[in-house]
Amino acid sequence: MTDWAWETLHDDLHVGLRRSKVLFDSKTDHQRLVLFDNPTFGKVLTLDGVIQTTEADEFIYHEMLTHVPVMAHGAVKRALIIGGGDGGMLEELLKHPGIEHVTMVEIDASVIEFSKQHLSAICKDAFEDPRLNLHIGDGAVFVAESADSFDLIICDSTDPIGPGEALFTQGFYANAKARLDQGGVLVTQNGVPFLQPDELRGTMRAFRQLFADATCYLATVPTYVGGPMAFGWGTDNPALRQVTDETLQDRFDAWGAETRYYTPAVHKAAFALPPYIERLVIP
C-alpha cells in the first residue's frame, strides 16, 4: 500500500504527498517534526502535520522574502529573522555582502540542530557565518523586550496556530515596527489568500494602522497549493516600493548572485495584485 502524508490545514482541501521514505519522526518540546522523501519534492519537512518546506521549491519562498526587501531598500546592513529554523531564509539573506549583522530568533532549538544535520541542501553553512547572532526564544517576546534596531525584519513564521499564533497579532507587529530603523521594512509570510483570506486580512488591517505604506506581494510556490502566496509589506518609506526598474536592475547586476526565481522584473510584477487579493489589502 502506498504511504501518503496528508496535510489537513484547510477545512475543504487536504493535500497529500507520497512518502517514499520517512527519514525522521520525533516530538520536540514545541511540536512534532517529521522529515520524509518525496520523488518530486525531495526532502519534505512538516511540523505538526503542516508542510513547512521542501528541497525542490524552497528557493521560491526564501528568495522572495529576502531579495525583494533587500533590493528595494538598497542599503540593508542589519536584519532580523523571526523563525526560519530551517536556515533557508538566513542562507539567502547572507548572500548579500552588504549585510553586516543578522539576528535570528527561533523558538525551537531542535529545529535548527535538525536542519544542520538533515537539511544542509537548504541551509548550507549559514549557521556558521560570523555575521549571525542566533537567539533561542520567542520572537514576540524578543521584539517586545529588545532595544536593538534593524533595517529589515523578516517574519518567517508558521501558520497562526500553535507557536506561530503570537506572530500575527497587532501587538507583535507594533513591537516589530519599533525595532525598525528609519526607512526600514517589515515583511511577513501570510499564507495563500484564496484559502486563508483572514490571515492576510488581519495582517493588512494591522499594517494599515502602523505603516505609511502597507500592502502585500505575491509568489507562486508549488508546495503551498491554492493559488499564489502572499507576503506582507510594511514600511514608513513609500519610496521603497517605487524603486525604478533601472535602479533594481543596477543593484541586481552589482550584486551578481545567481537566483532561480527572483529577478527585478519579477520583483516589480509581484506587487500587482488581482482584485480578490487587493480587496483583502484595501477593503
Protein backbone atom coordinates (compact mmCIF):
# COMPACT_ATOMS: atom_id res chain seq x y z
CA MET A 1 0.00 0.00 0.00
CA THR A 2 1.29 3.47 -0.93
CA ASP A 3 2.30 5.61 2.05
CA TRP A 4 0.98 9.18 1.92
CA ALA A 5 1.36 12.18 4.22
CA TRP A 6 -1.85 14.18 4.40
CA GLU A 7 -1.91 17.82 5.39
CA THR A 8 -5.29 18.88 6.80
CA LEU A 9 -4.55 22.56 7.40
CA HIS A 10 -7.60 23.65 5.36
CA ASP A 11 -11.15 22.53 6.12
CA ASP A 12 -12.14 21.94 2.49
CA LEU A 13 -8.85 20.84 0.97
CA HIS A 14 -6.46 18.13 2.11
CA VAL A 15 -3.06 17.86 0.44
CA GLY A 16 -1.32 14.53 0.02
CA LEU A 17 2.37 13.91 -0.66
CA ARG A 18 3.77 10.47 -1.35
CA ARG A 19 6.23 9.34 1.31
CA SER A 20 8.84 7.13 -0.31
CA LYS A 21 10.79 7.01 2.95
CA VAL A 22 10.35 8.52 6.42
CA LEU A 23 13.72 9.89 7.48
CA PHE A 24 12.89 11.37 10.87
CA ASP A 25 9.87 11.47 13.19
CA SER A 26 10.13 13.00 16.65
CA LYS A 27 8.27 15.30 19.01
CA THR A 28 10.24 18.28 20.33
CA ASP A 29 9.29 20.44 23.29
CA HIS A 30 7.18 22.58 20.96
CA GLN A 31 5.96 20.46 18.03
CA ARG A 32 6.11 17.18 16.14
CA LEU A 33 8.80 17.22 13.47
CA VAL A 34 8.69 14.79 10.54
CA LEU A 35 11.01 14.58 7.54
CA PHE A 36 10.32 12.32 4.58
CA ASP A 37 11.41 11.82 0.98
CA ASN A 38 9.12 12.54 -1.98
CA PRO A 39 10.08 11.66 -5.58
CA THR A 40 9.19 15.16 -6.88
CA PHE A 41 9.83 17.46 -3.94
CA GLY A 42 12.83 15.74 -2.37
CA LYS A 43 13.05 16.04 1.40
CA VAL A 44 9.83 17.40 2.91
CA LEU A 45 9.70 18.92 6.40
CA THR A 46 6.43 19.02 8.33
CA LEU A 47 5.70 20.49 11.76
CA ASP A 48 2.58 19.18 13.48
CA GLY A 49 1.46 17.75 10.15
CA VAL A 50 1.76 21.03 8.22
CA ILE A 51 4.22 21.21 5.33
CA GLN A 52 6.93 23.77 6.06
CA THR A 53 9.46 23.43 3.27
CA THR A 54 10.69 21.10 0.56
CA GLU A 55 14.09 20.81 -1.04
CA ALA A 56 12.70 21.23 -4.56
CA ASP A 57 10.88 24.56 -4.28
CA GLU A 58 12.12 26.26 -1.10
CA PHE A 59 14.13 28.68 -3.23
CA ILE A 60 10.97 30.50 -4.35
CA TYR A 61 9.72 31.27 -0.86
CA HIS A 62 13.13 32.15 0.55
CA GLU A 63 14.28 34.27 -2.38
CA MET A 64 11.11 36.33 -2.43
CA LEU A 65 11.03 37.04 1.31
CA THR A 66 14.66 38.16 1.31
CA HIS A 67 15.66 39.68 -2.02
CA VAL A 68 12.54 41.79 -2.57
CA PRO A 69 13.01 43.92 0.58
CA VAL A 70 16.82 43.90 0.36
CA MET A 71 16.81 45.10 -3.25
CA ALA A 72 14.06 47.64 -2.62
CA HIS A 73 15.86 49.11 0.40
CA GLY A 74 19.28 49.14 -1.22
CA ALA A 75 21.30 49.58 1.97
CA VAL A 76 20.33 46.84 4.43
CA LYS A 77 23.10 46.33 6.96
CA ARG A 78 21.27 44.89 9.97
CA ALA A 79 18.47 42.34 9.64
CA LEU A 80 16.26 40.33 11.98
CA ILE A 81 14.69 36.97 11.13
CA ILE A 82 11.84 35.74 13.32
CA GLY A 83 11.53 31.97 12.92
CA GLY A 84 13.21 30.36 9.93
CA GLY A 85 14.68 27.39 11.76
CA ASP A 86 15.36 25.51 8.52
CA GLY A 87 18.01 28.13 7.72
CA GLY A 88 16.82 28.83 4.18
CA MET A 89 15.96 32.46 4.85
CA LEU A 90 19.27 33.01 6.61
CA GLU A 91 21.20 31.41 3.76
CA GLU A 92 19.58 33.68 1.16
CA LEU A 93 19.99 36.81 3.27
CA LEU A 94 23.69 36.19 3.88
CA LYS A 95 24.32 36.07 0.12
CA HIS A 96 24.27 39.87 0.28
CA PRO A 97 27.78 41.04 1.24
CA GLY A 98 26.49 44.44 2.37
CA ILE A 99 24.62 42.84 5.26
CA GLU A 100 26.84 43.14 8.31
CA HIS A 101 24.71 41.55 11.03
CA VAL A 102 21.75 39.16 11.20
CA THR A 103 19.89 38.33 14.39
CA MET A 104 17.78 35.19 14.13
CA VAL A 105 15.19 34.32 16.77
CA GLU A 106 13.92 30.73 16.68
CA ILE A 107 11.74 29.27 19.41
CA ASP A 108 12.77 25.64 18.88
CA ALA A 109 16.50 24.87 19.07
CA SER A 110 15.77 21.30 17.99
CA VAL A 111 14.68 22.52 14.55
CA ILE A 112 18.00 24.28 13.99
CA GLU A 113 20.09 21.29 15.02
CA PHE A 114 17.88 19.07 12.90
CA SER A 115 18.28 21.37 9.88
CA LYS A 116 22.06 21.40 10.17
CA GLN A 117 22.06 17.62 10.08
CA HIS A 118 19.28 16.81 7.62
CA LEU A 119 18.57 19.95 5.53
CA SER A 120 22.07 21.09 4.61
CA ALA A 121 20.93 21.44 0.99
CA ILE A 122 18.71 24.29 2.19
CA CYS A 123 20.73 25.98 4.95
CA LYS A 124 24.21 25.07 3.66
CA ASP A 125 26.73 26.60 6.14
CA ALA A 126 24.63 29.67 7.02
CA PHE A 127 24.53 28.86 10.73
CA GLU A 128 28.34 29.07 10.84
CA ASP A 129 28.50 32.59 9.39
CA PRO A 130 30.15 35.04 11.85
CA ARG A 131 27.55 37.70 10.97
CA LEU A 132 24.85 35.61 12.68
CA ASN A 133 23.62 36.22 16.22
CA LEU A 134 21.38 33.23 16.99
CA HIS A 135 18.85 33.69 19.78
CA ILE A 136 16.72 30.77 21.00
CA GLY A 137 13.45 32.17 22.27
CA ASP A 138 10.03 33.55 21.49
CA GLY A 139 10.06 36.07 18.64
CA ALA A 140 7.14 38.01 20.11
CA VAL A 141 8.97 38.40 23.41
CA PHE A 142 12.18 39.38 21.64
CA VAL A 143 10.69 42.32 19.72
CA ALA A 144 8.84 43.45 22.85
CA GLU A 145 11.95 43.48 25.04
CA SER A 146 14.90 44.11 22.70
CA ALA A 147 16.49 47.52 22.29
CA ASP A 148 18.19 46.57 19.01
CA SER A 149 17.20 48.15 15.69
CA PHE A 150 17.21 46.77 12.16
CA ASP A 151 16.88 47.89 8.56
CA LEU A 152 14.88 44.77 7.72
CA ILE A 153 12.71 42.37 9.72
CA ILE A 154 11.59 39.11 8.11
CA CYS A 155 8.87 37.16 9.88
CA ASP A 156 9.32 33.60 8.62
CA SER A 157 6.62 32.12 10.80
CA THR A 158 4.47 29.03 10.70
CA ASP A 159 0.72 29.47 10.23
CA PRO A 160 -1.17 31.24 13.04
CA ILE A 161 -1.69 28.09 15.06
CA GLY A 162 0.42 26.75 17.92
CA PRO A 163 3.77 28.53 18.45
CA GLY A 164 3.20 30.83 15.45
CA GLU A 165 -0.09 32.33 16.63
CA ALA A 166 1.52 35.18 18.61
CA LEU A 167 3.32 36.38 15.46
CA PHE A 168 0.08 37.51 13.79
CA THR A 169 -1.16 39.97 16.42
CA GLN A 170 -1.42 43.75 16.42
CA GLY A 171 0.89 43.88 19.43
CA PHE A 172 3.59 41.83 17.72
CA TYR A 173 3.51 43.98 14.60
CA ALA A 174 3.66 47.19 16.65
CA ASN A 175 6.65 45.90 18.61
CA ALA A 176 8.35 44.78 15.41
CA LYS A 177 7.88 48.22 13.89
CA ALA A 178 9.51 49.74 16.98
CA ARG A 179 12.61 47.67 16.17
CA LEU A 180 12.90 49.14 12.65
CA ASP A 181 15.36 51.89 11.85
CA GLN A 182 14.01 54.88 9.95
CA GLY A 183 13.02 53.76 6.46
CA GLY A 184 13.17 50.08 7.41
CA VAL A 185 10.78 47.42 6.17
CA LEU A 186 8.89 44.51 7.75
CA VAL A 187 7.92 41.53 5.58
CA THR A 188 5.80 38.58 6.68
CA GLN A 189 4.50 35.30 5.33
CA ASN A 190 0.72 35.43 5.06
CA GLY A 191 -0.33 32.14 3.57
CA VAL A 192 -2.44 31.53 0.47
CA PRO A 193 -5.10 34.27 0.30
CA PHE A 194 -7.59 32.16 -1.66
CA LEU A 195 -7.72 29.61 1.17
CA GLN A 196 -6.60 31.78 4.11
CA PRO A 197 -8.11 35.23 3.48
CA ASP A 198 -8.49 36.05 7.16
CA GLU A 199 -4.75 35.63 7.71
CA LEU A 200 -3.87 38.29 5.15
CA ARG A 201 -6.83 40.50 6.04
CA GLY A 202 -5.82 40.60 9.70
CA THR A 203 -2.20 41.44 8.96
CA MET A 204 -3.14 44.16 6.50
CA ARG A 205 -5.59 45.69 8.99
CA ALA A 206 -2.75 45.99 11.49
CA PHE A 207 -0.24 47.22 8.90
CA ARG A 208 -2.55 49.98 7.66
CA GLN A 209 -2.68 51.38 11.20
CA LEU A 210 1.08 51.15 11.68
CA PHE A 211 2.78 51.95 8.38
CA ALA A 212 2.65 54.68 5.75
CA ASP A 213 2.93 52.00 3.07
CA ALA A 214 1.12 48.72 3.73
CA THR A 215 0.44 46.08 1.11
CA CYS A 216 1.49 42.59 0.08
CA TYR A 217 3.27 40.96 -2.82
CA LEU A 218 2.91 37.51 -4.33
CA ALA A 219 4.82 34.41 -5.41
CA THR A 220 3.69 31.00 -6.61
CA VAL A 221 5.17 28.20 -4.51
CA PRO A 222 4.06 24.74 -5.71
CA THR A 223 4.10 23.24 -2.21
CA TYR A 224 1.56 25.77 -0.89
CA VAL A 225 -1.42 24.90 -3.07
CA GLY A 226 -4.49 27.04 -3.64
CA GLY A 227 -3.07 29.96 -5.59
CA PRO A 228 -0.24 32.44 -5.08
CA MET A 229 1.25 33.00 -1.64
CA ALA A 230 1.13 36.46 -0.05
CA PHE A 231 3.94 38.26 1.73
CA GLY A 232 3.04 41.25 3.88
CA TRP A 233 4.93 44.51 3.31
CA GLY A 234 5.07 47.36 5.82
CA THR A 235 7.28 50.46 5.84
CA ASP A 236 7.12 54.18 6.54
CA ASN A 237 9.13 54.86 3.38
CA PRO A 238 6.77 54.56 0.38
CA ALA A 239 9.71 55.21 -1.95
CA LEU A 240 10.95 51.65 -1.36
CA ARG A 241 8.08 50.25 -3.38
CA GLN A 242 8.56 52.83 -6.12
CA VAL A 243 12.19 51.98 -6.89
CA THR A 244 12.63 52.18 -10.66
CA ASP A 245 13.24 49.20 -12.90
CA GLU A 246 16.64 50.66 -13.77
CA THR A 247 17.71 51.00 -10.13
CA LEU A 248 16.62 47.46 -9.32
CA GLN A 249 18.50 46.13 -12.33
CA ASP A 250 21.63 48.08 -11.39
CA ARG A 251 21.51 46.70 -7.85
CA PHE A 252 20.89 43.19 -9.10
CA ASP A 253 23.77 43.36 -11.60
CA ALA A 254 26.13 44.80 -8.97
CA TRP A 255 25.18 42.01 -6.57
CA GLY A 256 25.98 39.39 -9.20
CA ALA A 257 24.42 36.40 -7.43
CA GLU A 258 22.55 33.67 -9.27
CA THR A 259 18.84 33.33 -8.47
CA ARG A 260 16.28 30.77 -9.55
CA TYR A 261 13.09 32.82 -9.10
CA TYR A 262 13.84 36.43 -8.17
CA THR A 263 14.60 38.95 -10.89
CA PRO A 264 14.00 42.72 -10.96
CA ALA A 265 11.08 42.13 -13.35
CA VAL A 266 9.55 39.52 -11.04
CA HIS A 267 10.09 41.95 -8.13
CA LYS A 268 8.01 44.67 -9.78
CA ALA A 269 5.32 42.29 -11.02
CA ALA A 270 4.90 40.69 -7.58
CA PHE A 271 3.21 43.85 -6.28
CA ALA A 272 0.50 43.70 -8.97
CA LEU A 273 -2.46 42.23 -7.08
CA PRO A 274 -5.55 40.60 -8.58
CA PRO A 275 -8.79 42.18 -7.31
CA TYR A 276 -9.71 39.31 -4.96
CA ILE A 277 -6.43 39.83 -3.08
CA GLU A 278 -6.45 43.61 -3.38
CA ARG A 279 -9.81 43.67 -1.57
CA LEU A 280 -8.15 41.94 1.39
CA VAL A 281 -5.42 44.59 1.44
CA ILE A 282 -7.64 47.63 0.85
CA PRO A 283 -11.24 46.73 1.81
